[in-house]
Amino acid sequence: MAEYYSNDPDNKRKGDEGTLPLIMGILAIVFTITFSRLIGFILGIIAIIKGNQHRLYDNDAKIGFICGIIAVCLSSIALLAIFSFFFAILVI
């Protein structure tokens, strides 16, 4: 317990930095699959940026980083398919 907490008021628990990328990565995948691919894409980019800062020493940040990459790939493929479909309709 001594490595996580200290008597210093400025010292916080180690590993809290990975919570935000984890939440953003999971939400990005959920939004990509269900509701809005654009919101999933944006949340995935945020998860990648925030997760990359702490992924070497925090497992939650690493998982959020990976979820962000998956969400960005899925939403990019889906958005590309949607835009190409509409472009094909407009050209024909």
PDB file of N, CA and C in Angstrom:
ATOM      1  N   MET A   1       0.807  -1.183   0.000  1.00  0.00           N
ATOM      2  CA  MET A   1       0.000   0.000   0.000  1.00  0.00           C
ATOM      3  C   MET A   1       0.855   1.254   0.000  1.00  0.00           C
ATOM      4  N   ALA A   2       2.081   1.156   0.469  1.00  0.00           N
ATOM      5  CA  ALA A   2       2.928   2.333   0.605  1.00  0.00           C
ATOM      6  C   ALA A   2       3.335   2.904  -0.744  1.00  0.00           C
ATOM      7  N   GLU A   3       3.391   2.063  -1.784  1.00  0.00           N
ATOM      8  CA  GLU A   3       3.795   2.585  -3.083  1.00  0.00           C
ATOM      9  C   GLU A   3       2.680   3.361  -3.777  1.00  0.00           C
ATOM     10  N   TYR A   4       1.443   3.142  -3.385  1.00  0.00           N
ATOM     11  CA  TYR A   4       0.338   3.846  -4.019  1.00  0.00           C
ATOM     12  C   TYR A   4       0.019   5.179  -3.348  1.00  0.00           C
ATOM     13  N   TYR A   5       0.146   5.219  -2.051  1.00  0.00           N
ATOM     14  CA  TYR A   5      -0.252   6.413  -1.320  1.00  0.00           C
ATOM     15  C   TYR A   5       0.935   6.977  -0.541  1.00  0.00           C
ATOM     16  N   SER A   6       0.916   8.249  -0.363  1.00  0.00           N
ATOM     17  CA  SER A   6       1.967   8.909   0.383  1.00  0.00           C
ATOM     18  C   SER A   6       1.329   9.937   1.302  1.00  0.00           C
ATOM     19  N   ASN A   7       2.065  10.391   2.271  1.00  0.00           N
ATOM     20  CA  ASN A   7       1.564  11.420   3.169  1.00  0.00           C
ATOM     21  C   ASN A   7       1.618  12.804   2.541  1.00  0.00           C
ATOM     22  N   ASP A   8       2.334  12.946   1.441  1.00  0.00           N
ATOM     23  CA  ASP A   8       2.407  14.231   0.764  1.00  0.00           C
ATOM     24  C   ASP A   8       1.058  14.555   0.113  1.00  0.00           C
ATOM     25  N   PRO A   9       0.546  15.772   0.292  1.00  0.00           N
ATOM     26  CA  PRO A   9      -0.756  16.101  -0.307  1.00  0.00           C
ATOM     27  C   PRO A   9      -0.708  16.232  -1.828  1.00  0.00           C
ATOM     28  N   ASP A  10       0.472  16.463  -2.388  1.00  0.00           N
ATOM     29  CA  ASP A  10       0.581  16.617  -3.840  1.00  0.00           C
ATOM     30  C   ASP A  10       0.684  15.283  -4.567  1.00  0.00           C
ATOM     31  N   ASN A  11       0.961  14.232  -3.846  1.00  0.00           N
ATOM     32  CA  ASN A  11       1.149  12.931  -4.470  1.00  0.00           C
ATOM     33  C   ASN A  11      -0.198  12.242  -4.625  1.00  0.00           C
ATOM     34  N   LYS A  12      -0.518  11.803  -5.838  1.00  0.00           N
ATOM     35  CA  LYS A  12      -1.756  11.068  -6.062  1.00  0.00           C
ATOM     36  C   LYS A  12      -1.443   9.612  -6.375  1.00  0.00           C
ATOM     37  N   ARG A  13      -2.460   8.812  -6.421  1.00  0.00           N
ATOM     38  CA  ARG A  13      -2.296   7.384  -6.678  1.00  0.00           C
ATOM     39  C   ARG A  13      -1.746   7.173  -8.072  1.00  0.00           C
ATOM     40  N   LYS A  14      -0.799   6.263  -8.195  1.00  0.00           N
ATOM     41  CA  LYS A  14      -0.211   5.976  -9.504  1.00  0.00           C
ATOM     42  C   LYS A  14      -1.207   5.216 -10.363  1.00  0.00           C
ATOM     43  N   GLY A  15      -1.238   5.516 -11.628  1.00  0.00           N
ATOM     44  CA  GLY A  15      -2.077   4.778 -12.550  1.00  0.00           C
ATOM     45  C   GLY A  15      -3.409   5.418 -12.870  1.00  0.00           C
ATOM     46  N   ASP A  16      -3.703   6.584 -12.339  1.00  0.00           N
ATOM     47  CA  ASP A  16      -4.979   7.230 -12.629  1.00  0.00           C
ATOM     48  C   ASP A  16      -5.025   7.837 -14.022  1.00  0.00           C
ATOM     49  N   GLU A  17      -3.886   7.991 -14.662  1.00  0.00           N
ATOM     50  CA  GLU A  17      -3.854   8.619 -15.976  1.00  0.00           C
ATOM     51  C   GLU A  17      -4.462   7.741 -17.063  1.00  0.00           C
ATOM     52  N   GLY A  18      -4.547   6.452 -16.827  1.00  0.00           N
ATOM     53  CA  GLY A  18      -5.039   5.537 -17.844  1.00  0.00           C
ATOM     54  C   GLY A  18      -6.548   5.384 -17.882  1.00  0.00           C
ATOM     55  N   THR A  19      -7.248   5.970 -16.935  1.00  0.00           N
ATOM     56  CA  THR A  19      -8.695   5.815 -16.880  1.00  0.00           C
ATOM     57  C   THR A  19      -9.379   6.554 -18.031  1.00  0.00           C
ATOM     58  N   LEU A  20      -8.962   7.770 -18.315  1.00  0.00           N
ATOM     59  CA  LEU A  20      -9.570   8.547 -19.400  1.00  0.00           C
ATOM     60  C   LEU A  20      -9.391   7.879 -20.769  1.00  0.00           C
ATOM     61  N   PRO A  21      -8.185   7.430 -21.140  1.00  0.00           N
ATOM     62  CA  PRO A  21      -8.070   6.738 -22.436  1.00  0.00           C
ATOM     63  C   PRO A  21      -8.888   5.453 -22.504  1.00  0.00           C
ATOM     64  N   LEU A  22      -8.996   4.750 -21.376  1.00  0.00           N
ATOM     65  CA  LEU A  22      -9.786   3.517 -21.359  1.00  0.00           C
ATOM     66  C   LEU A  22     -11.255   3.816 -21.620  1.00  0.00           C
ATOM     67  N   ILE A  23     -11.799   4.814 -20.944  1.00  0.00           N
ATOM     68  CA  ILE A  23     -13.204   5.180 -21.134  1.00  0.00           C
ATOM     69  C   ILE A  23     -13.440   5.697 -22.545  1.00  0.00           C
ATOM     70  N   MET A  24     -12.534   6.548 -23.034  1.00  0.00           N
ATOM     71  CA  MET A  24     -12.680   7.091 -24.385  1.00  0.00           C
ATOM     72  C   MET A  24     -12.581   5.995 -25.438  1.00  0.00           C
ATOM     73  N   GLY A  25     -11.688   5.047 -25.240  1.00  0.00           N
ATOM     74  CA  GLY A  25     -11.541   3.955 -26.200  1.00  0.00           C
ATOM     75  C   GLY A  25     -12.763   3.054 -26.256  1.00  0.00           C
ATOM     76  N   ILE A  26     -13.319   2.732 -25.091  1.00  0.00           N
ATOM     77  CA  ILE A  26     -14.517   1.891 -25.054  1.00  0.00           C
ATOM     78  C   ILE A  26     -15.706   2.622 -25.661  1.00  0.00           C
ATOM     79  N   LEU A  27     -15.869   3.904 -25.305  1.00  0.00           N
ATOM     80  CA  LEU A  27     -16.957   4.695 -25.894  1.00  0.00           C
ATOM     81  C   LEU A  27     -16.783   4.850 -27.393  1.00  0.00           C
ATOM     82  N   ALA A  28     -15.546   4.974 -27.852  1.00  0.00           N
ATOM     83  CA  ALA A  28     -15.295   5.106 -29.284  1.00  0.00           C
ATOM     84  C   ALA A  28     -15.748   3.860 -30.041  1.00  0.00           C
ATOM     85  N   ILE A  29     -15.460   2.688 -29.486  1.00  0.00           N
ATOM     86  CA  ILE A  29     -15.900   1.454 -30.141  1.00  0.00           C
ATOM     87  C   ILE A  29     -17.420   1.350 -30.120  1.00  0.00           C
ATOM     88  N   VAL A  30     -18.035   1.703 -29.005  1.00  0.00           N
ATOM     89  CA  VAL A  30     -19.496   1.635 -28.907  1.00  0.00           C
ATOM     90  C   VAL A  30     -20.145   2.586 -29.905  1.00  0.00           C
ATOM     91  N   PHE A  31     -19.664   3.816 -29.977  1.00  0.00           N
ATOM     92  CA  PHE A  31     -20.236   4.775 -30.924  1.00  0.00           C
ATOM     93  C   PHE A  31     -19.961   4.374 -32.369  1.00  0.00           C
ATOM     94  N   THR A  32     -18.815   3.787 -32.620  1.00  0.00           N
ATOM     95  CA  THR A  32     -18.498   3.363 -33.981  1.00  0.00           C
ATOM     96  C   THR A  32     -19.435   2.251 -34.441  1.00  0.00           C
ATOM     97  N   ILE A  33     -19.732   1.326 -33.559  1.00  0.00           N
ATOM     98  CA  ILE A  33     -20.575   0.197 -33.939  1.00  0.00           C
ATOM     99  C   ILE A  33     -22.052   0.583 -33.972  1.00  0.00           C
ATOM    100  N   THR A  34     -22.495   1.421 -33.047  1.00  0.00           N
ATOM    101  CA  THR A  34     -23.928   1.647 -32.926  1.00  0.00           C
ATOM    102  C   THR A  34     -24.410   2.973 -33.485  1.00  0.00           C
ATOM    103  N   PHE A  35     -24.019   4.081 -32.905  1.00  0.00           N
ATOM    104  CA  PHE A  35     -24.690   5.346 -33.171  1.00  0.00           C
ATOM    105  C   PHE A  35     -24.030   6.172 -34.271  1.00  0.00           C
ATOM    106  N   SER A  36     -22.944   6.796 -33.974  1.00  0.00           N
ATOM    107  CA  SER A  36     -22.337   7.755 -34.881  1.00  0.00           C
ATOM    108  C   SER A  36     -20.873   7.416 -35.092  1.00  0.00           C
ATOM    109  N   ARG A  37     -20.533   7.148 -36.315  1.00  0.00           N
ATOM    110  CA  ARG A  37     -19.159   6.799 -36.624  1.00  0.00           C
ATOM    111  C   ARG A  37     -18.223   7.988 -36.513  1.00  0.00           C
ATOM    112  N   LEU A  38     -18.728   9.179 -36.772  1.00  0.00           N
ATOM    113  CA  LEU A  38     -17.894  10.371 -36.665  1.00  0.00           C
ATOM    114  C   LEU A  38     -17.524  10.648 -35.207  1.00  0.00           C
ATOM    115  N   ILE A  39     -18.472  10.489 -34.288  1.00  0.00           N
ATOM    116  CA  ILE A  39     -18.176  10.662 -32.869  1.00  0.00           C
ATOM    117  C   ILE A  39     -17.206   9.573 -32.404  1.00  0.00           C
ATOM    118  N   GLY A  40     -17.392   8.353 -32.878  1.00  0.00           N
ATOM    119  CA  GLY A  40     -16.459   7.274 -32.555  1.00  0.00           C
ATOM    120  C   GLY A  40     -15.069   7.535 -33.066  1.00  0.00           C
ATOM    121  N   PHE A  41     -14.975   8.138 -34.248  1.00  0.00           N
ATOM    122  CA  PHE A  41     -13.678   8.486 -34.821  1.00  0.00           C
ATOM    123  C   PHE A  41     -12.974   9.532 -33.955  1.00  0.00           C
ATOM    124  N   ILE A  42     -13.708  10.563 -33.540  1.00  0.00           N
ATOM    125  CA  ILE A  42     -13.125  11.627 -32.724  1.00  0.00           C
ATOM    126  C   ILE A  42     -12.713  11.107 -31.343  1.00  0.00           C
ATOM    127  N   LEU A  43     -13.575  10.306 -30.724  1.00  0.00           N
ATOM    128  CA  LEU A  43     -13.226   9.734 -29.420  1.00  0.00           C
ATOM    129  C   LEU A  43     -12.048   8.766 -29.526  1.00  0.00           C
ATOM    130  N   GLY A  44     -11.959   8.059 -30.647  1.00  0.00           N
ATOM    131  CA  GLY A  44     -10.827   7.161 -30.868  1.00  0.00           C
ATOM    132  C   GLY A  44      -9.514   7.914 -30.981  1.00  0.00           C
ATOM    133  N   ILE A  45      -9.535   9.054 -31.652  1.00  0.00           N
ATOM    134  CA  ILE A  45      -8.318   9.863 -31.764  1.00  0.00           C
ATOM    135  C   ILE A  45      -7.908  10.399 -30.394  1.00  0.00           C
ATOM    136  N   ILE A  46      -8.888  10.834 -29.595  1.00  0.00           N
ATOM    137  CA  ILE A  46      -8.578  11.309 -28.244  1.00  0.00           C
ATOM    138  C   ILE A  46      -7.989  10.174 -27.403  1.00  0.00           C
ATOM    139  N   ALA A  47      -8.556   8.968 -27.527  1.00  0.00           N
ATOM    140  CA  ALA A  47      -8.038   7.819 -26.769  1.00  0.00           C
ATOM    141  C   ALA A  47      -6.623   7.468 -27.199  1.00  0.00           C
ATOM    142  N   ILE A  48      -6.328   7.588 -28.479  1.00  0.00           N
ATOM    143  CA  ILE A  48      -4.979   7.301 -28.964  1.00  0.00           C
ATOM    144  C   ILE A  48      -3.986   8.318 -28.418  1.00  0.00           C
ATOM    145  N   ILE A  49      -4.347   9.588 -28.472  1.00  0.00           N
ATOM    146  CA  ILE A  49      -3.429  10.634 -28.010  1.00  0.00           C
ATOM    147  C   ILE A  49      -3.189  10.522 -26.508  1.00  0.00           C
ATOM    148  N   LYS A  50      -4.263  10.392 -25.740  1.00  0.00           N
ATOM    149  CA  LYS A  50      -4.109  10.307 -24.283  1.00  0.00           C
ATOM    150  C   LYS A  50      -3.481   8.979 -23.849  1.00  0.00           C
ATOM    151  N   GLY A  51      -3.815   7.897 -24.538  1.00  0.00           N
ATOM    152  CA  GLY A  51      -3.255   6.598 -24.180  1.00  0.00           C
ATOM    153  C   GLY A  51      -1.797   6.468 -24.524  1.00  0.00           C
ATOM    154  N   ASN A  52      -1.359   7.156 -25.571  1.00  0.00           N
ATOM    155  CA  ASN A  52       0.033   7.084 -25.980  1.00  0.00           C
ATOM    156  C   ASN A  52       0.955   7.732 -24.952  1.00  0.00           C
ATOM    157  N   GLN A  53       0.454   8.696 -24.220  1.00  0.00           N
ATOM    158  CA  GLN A  53       1.276   9.384 -23.231  1.00  0.00           C
ATOM    159  C   GLN A  53       1.642   8.490 -22.042  1.00  0.00           C
ATOM    160  N   HIS A  54       0.782   7.525 -21.709  1.00  0.00           N
ATOM    161  CA  HIS A  54       0.990   6.730 -20.496  1.00  0.00           C
ATOM    162  C   HIS A  54       0.953   5.226 -20.743  1.00  0.00           C
ATOM    163  N   ARG A  55       0.999   4.784 -21.974  1.00  0.00           N
ATOM    164  CA  ARG A  55       0.792   3.360 -22.245  1.00  0.00           C
ATOM    165  C   ARG A  55       1.964   2.475 -21.846  1.00  0.00           C
ATOM    166  N   LEU A  56       3.136   3.041 -21.634  1.00  0.00           N
ATOM    167  CA  LEU A  56       4.289   2.219 -21.304  1.00  0.00           C
ATOM    168  C   LEU A  56       4.278   1.726 -19.863  1.00  0.00           C
ATOM    169  N   TYR A  57       3.594   2.435 -18.971  1.00  0.00           N
ATOM    170  CA  TYR A  57       3.603   2.028 -17.572  1.00  0.00           C
ATOM    171  C   TYR A  57       2.210   1.891 -16.968  1.00  0.00           C
ATOM    172  N   ASP A  58       1.158   2.018 -17.775  1.00  0.00           N
ATOM    173  CA  ASP A  58      -0.201   1.891 -17.246  1.00  0.00           C
ATOM    174  C   ASP A  58      -1.014   1.000 -18.185  1.00  0.00           C
ATOM    175  N   ASN A  59      -1.515  -0.116 -17.653  1.00  0.00           N
ATOM    176  CA  ASN A  59      -2.245  -1.063 -18.485  1.00  0.00           C
ATOM    177  C   ASN A  59      -3.578  -0.511 -18.977  1.00  0.00           C
ATOM    178  N   ASP A  60      -4.252   0.292 -18.178  1.00  0.00           N
ATOM    179  CA  ASP A  60      -5.509   0.893 -18.623  1.00  0.00           C
ATOM    180  C   ASP A  60      -5.278   1.819 -19.815  1.00  0.00           C
ATOM    181  N   ALA A  61      -4.202   2.571 -19.783  1.00  0.00           N
ATOM    182  CA  ALA A  61      -3.875   3.454 -20.899  1.00  0.00           C
ATOM    183  C   ALA A  61      -3.538   2.643 -22.147  1.00  0.00           C
ATOM    184  N   LYS A  62      -2.874   1.505 -21.960  1.00  0.00           N
ATOM    185  CA  LYS A  62      -2.534   0.647 -23.097  1.00  0.00           C
ATOM    186  C   LYS A  62      -3.795   0.060 -23.739  1.00  0.00           C
ATOM    187  N   ILE A  63      -4.741  -0.369 -22.913  1.00  0.00           N
ATOM    188  CA  ILE A  63      -5.992  -0.917 -23.430  1.00  0.00           C
ATOM    189  C   ILE A  63      -6.799   0.171 -24.126  1.00  0.00           C
ATOM    190  N   GLY A  64      -6.832   1.382 -23.538  1.00  0.00           N
ATOM    191  CA  GLY A  64      -7.517   2.500 -24.179  1.00  0.00           C
ATOM    192  C   GLY A  64      -6.883   2.881 -25.499  1.00  0.00           C
ATOM    193  N   PHE A  65      -5.564   2.829 -25.557  1.00  0.00           N
ATOM    194  CA  PHE A  65      -4.829   3.099 -26.793  1.00  0.00           C
ATOM    195  C   PHE A  65      -5.208   2.095 -27.886  1.00  0.00           C
ATOM    196  N   ILE A  66      -5.249   0.834 -27.528  1.00  0.00           N
ATOM    197  CA  ILE A  66      -5.602  -0.214 -28.494  1.00  0.00           C
ATOM    198  C   ILE A  66      -7.062  -0.089 -28.924  1.00  0.00           C
ATOM    199  N   CYS A  67      -7.957   0.179 -27.984  1.00  0.00           N
ATOM    200  CA  CYS A  67      -9.375   0.376 -28.326  1.00  0.00           C
ATOM    201  C   CYS A  67      -9.545   1.589 -29.239  1.00  0.00           C
ATOM    202  N   GLY A  68      -8.780   2.636 -29.001  1.00  0.00           N
ATOM    203  CA  GLY A  68      -8.832   3.809 -29.865  1.00  0.00           C
ATOM    204  C   GLY A  68      -8.395   3.493 -31.277  1.00  0.00           C
ATOM    205  N   ILE A  69      -7.344   2.696 -31.429  1.00  0.00           N
ATOM    206  CA  ILE A  69      -6.879   2.302 -32.764  1.00  0.00           C
ATOM    207  C   ILE A  69      -7.943   1.472 -33.472  1.00  0.00           C
ATOM    208  N   ILE A  70      -8.554   0.537 -32.756  1.00  0.00           N
ATOM    209  CA  ILE A  70      -9.604  -0.294 -33.348  1.00  0.00           C
ATOM    210  C   ILE A  70     -10.790   0.569 -33.777  1.00  0.00           C
ATOM    211  N   ALA A  71     -11.194   1.505 -32.930  1.00  0.00           N
ATOM    212  CA  ALA A  71     -12.335   2.364 -33.249  1.00  0.00           C
ATOM    213  C   ALA A  71     -12.045   3.253 -34.447  1.00  0.00           C
ATOM    214  N   VAL A  72     -10.839   3.803 -34.529  1.00  0.00           N
ATOM    215  CA  VAL A  72     -10.492   4.665 -35.663  1.00  0.00           C
ATOM    216  C   VAL A  72     -10.464   3.849 -36.955  1.00  0.00           C
ATOM    217  N   CYS A  73      -9.937   2.637 -36.903  1.00  0.00           N
ATOM    218  CA  CYS A  73      -9.912   1.791 -38.104  1.00  0.00           C
ATOM    219  C   CYS A  73     -11.326   1.424 -38.547  1.00  0.00           C
ATOM    220  N   LEU A  74     -12.157   0.997 -37.609  1.00  0.00           N
ATOM    221  CA  LEU A  74     -13.528   0.618 -37.960  1.00  0.00           C
ATOM    222  C   LEU A  74     -14.334   1.800 -38.488  1.00  0.00           C
ATOM    223  N   SER A  75     -14.217   2.932 -37.829  1.00  0.00           N
ATOM    224  CA  SER A  75     -14.982   4.094 -38.284  1.00  0.00           C
ATOM    225  C   SER A  75     -14.456   4.633 -39.599  1.00  0.00           C
ATOM    226  N   SER A  76     -13.150   4.542 -39.841  1.00  0.00           N
ATOM    227  CA  SER A  76     -12.602   4.981 -41.127  1.00  0.00           C
ATOM    228  C   SER A  76     -13.126   4.115 -42.267  1.00  0.00           C
ATOM    229  N   ILE A  77     -13.153   2.819 -42.039  1.00  0.00           N
ATOM    230  CA  ILE A  77     -13.667   1.914 -43.075  1.00  0.00           C
ATOM    231  C   ILE A  77     -15.147   2.172 -43.326  1.00  0.00           C
ATOM    232  N   ALA A  78     -15.912   2.343 -42.250  1.00  0.00           N
ATOM    233  CA  ALA A  78     -17.349   2.581 -42.400  1.00  0.00           C
ATOM    234  C   ALA A  78     -17.628   3.927 -43.067  1.00  0.00           C
ATOM    235  N   LEU A  79     -16.924   4.967 -42.657  1.00  0.00           N
ATOM    236  CA  LEU A  79     -17.125   6.283 -43.271  1.00  0.00           C
ATOM    237  C   LEU A  79     -16.697   6.290 -44.729  1.00  0.00           C
ATOM    238  N   LEU A  80     -15.623   5.601 -45.044  1.00  0.00           N
ATOM    239  CA  LEU A  80     -15.180   5.503 -46.433  1.00  0.00           C
ATOM    240  C   LEU A  80     -16.215   4.771 -47.291  1.00  0.00           C
ATOM    241  N   ALA A  81     -16.800   3.714 -46.758  1.00  0.00           N
ATOM    242  CA  ALA A  81     -17.827   2.974 -47.492  1.00  0.00           C
ATOM    243  C   ALA A  81     -19.079   3.825 -47.696  1.00  0.00           C
ATOM    244  N   ILE A  82     -19.474   4.564 -46.667  1.00  0.00           N
ATOM    245  CA  ILE A  82     -20.663   5.415 -46.783  1.00  0.00           C
ATOM    246  C   ILE A  82     -20.441   6.525 -47.797  1.00  0.00           C
ATOM    247  N   PHE A  83     -19.292   7.202 -47.723  1.00  0.00           N
ATOM    248  CA  PHE A  83     -19.011   8.292 -48.654  1.00  0.00           C
ATOM    249  C   PHE A  83     -18.852   7.797 -50.089  1.00  0.00           C
ATOM    250  N   SER A  84     -18.242   6.639 -50.268  1.00  0.00           N
ATOM    251  CA  SER A  84     -18.097   6.108 -51.625  1.00  0.00           C
ATOM    252  C   SER A  84     -19.447   5.675 -52.192  1.00  0.00           C
ATOM    253  N   PHE A  85     -20.336   5.178 -51.340  1.00  0.00           N
ATOM    254  CA  PHE A  85     -21.679   4.812 -51.794  1.00  0.00           C
ATOM    255  C   PHE A  85     -22.441   6.036 -52.275  1.00  0.00           C
ATOM    256  N   PHE A  86     -22.416   7.108 -51.477  1.00  0.00           N
ATOM    257  CA  PHE A  86     -23.108   8.325 -51.874  1.00  0.00           C
ATOM    258  C   PHE A  86     -22.472   8.996 -53.084  1.00  0.00           C
ATOM    259  N   PHE A  87     -21.149   8.900 -53.183  1.00  0.00           N
ATOM    260  CA  PHE A  87     -20.478   9.456 -54.360  1.00  0.00           C
ATOM    261  C   PHE A  87     -20.843   8.669 -55.616  1.00  0.00           C
ATOM    262  N   ALA A  88     -20.979   7.348 -55.492  1.00  0.00           N
ATOM    263  CA  ALA A  88     -21.369   6.533 -56.642  1.00  0.00           C
ATOM    264  C   ALA A  88     -22.799   6.847 -57.064  1.00  0.00           C
ATOM    265  N   ILE A  89     -23.678   7.141 -56.125  1.00  0.00           N
ATOM    266  CA  ILE A  89     -25.050   7.498 -56.467  1.00  0.00           C
ATOM    267  C   ILE A  89     -25.080   8.841 -57.181  1.00  0.00           C
ATOM    268  N   LEU A  90     -24.276   9.797 -56.724  1.00  0.00           N
ATOM    269  CA  LEU A  90     -24.277  11.130 -57.333  1.00  0.00           C
ATOM    270  C   LEU A  90     -23.658  11.133 -58.728  1.00  0.00           C
ATOM    271  N   VAL A  91     -22.693  10.294 -58.963  1.00  0.00           N
ATOM    272  CA  VAL A  91     -22.033  10.250 -60.277  1.00  0.00           C
ATOM    273  C   VAL A  91     -22.903   9.554 -61.293  1.00  0.00           C
ATOM    274  N   ILE A  92     -23.584   8.519 -60.891  1.00  0.00           N
ATOM    275  CA  ILE A  92     -24.435   7.758 -61.834  1.00  0.00           C
ATOM    276  C   ILE A  92     -25.682   8.500 -62.025  1.00  0.00           C
TER     277      ILE A  92
END
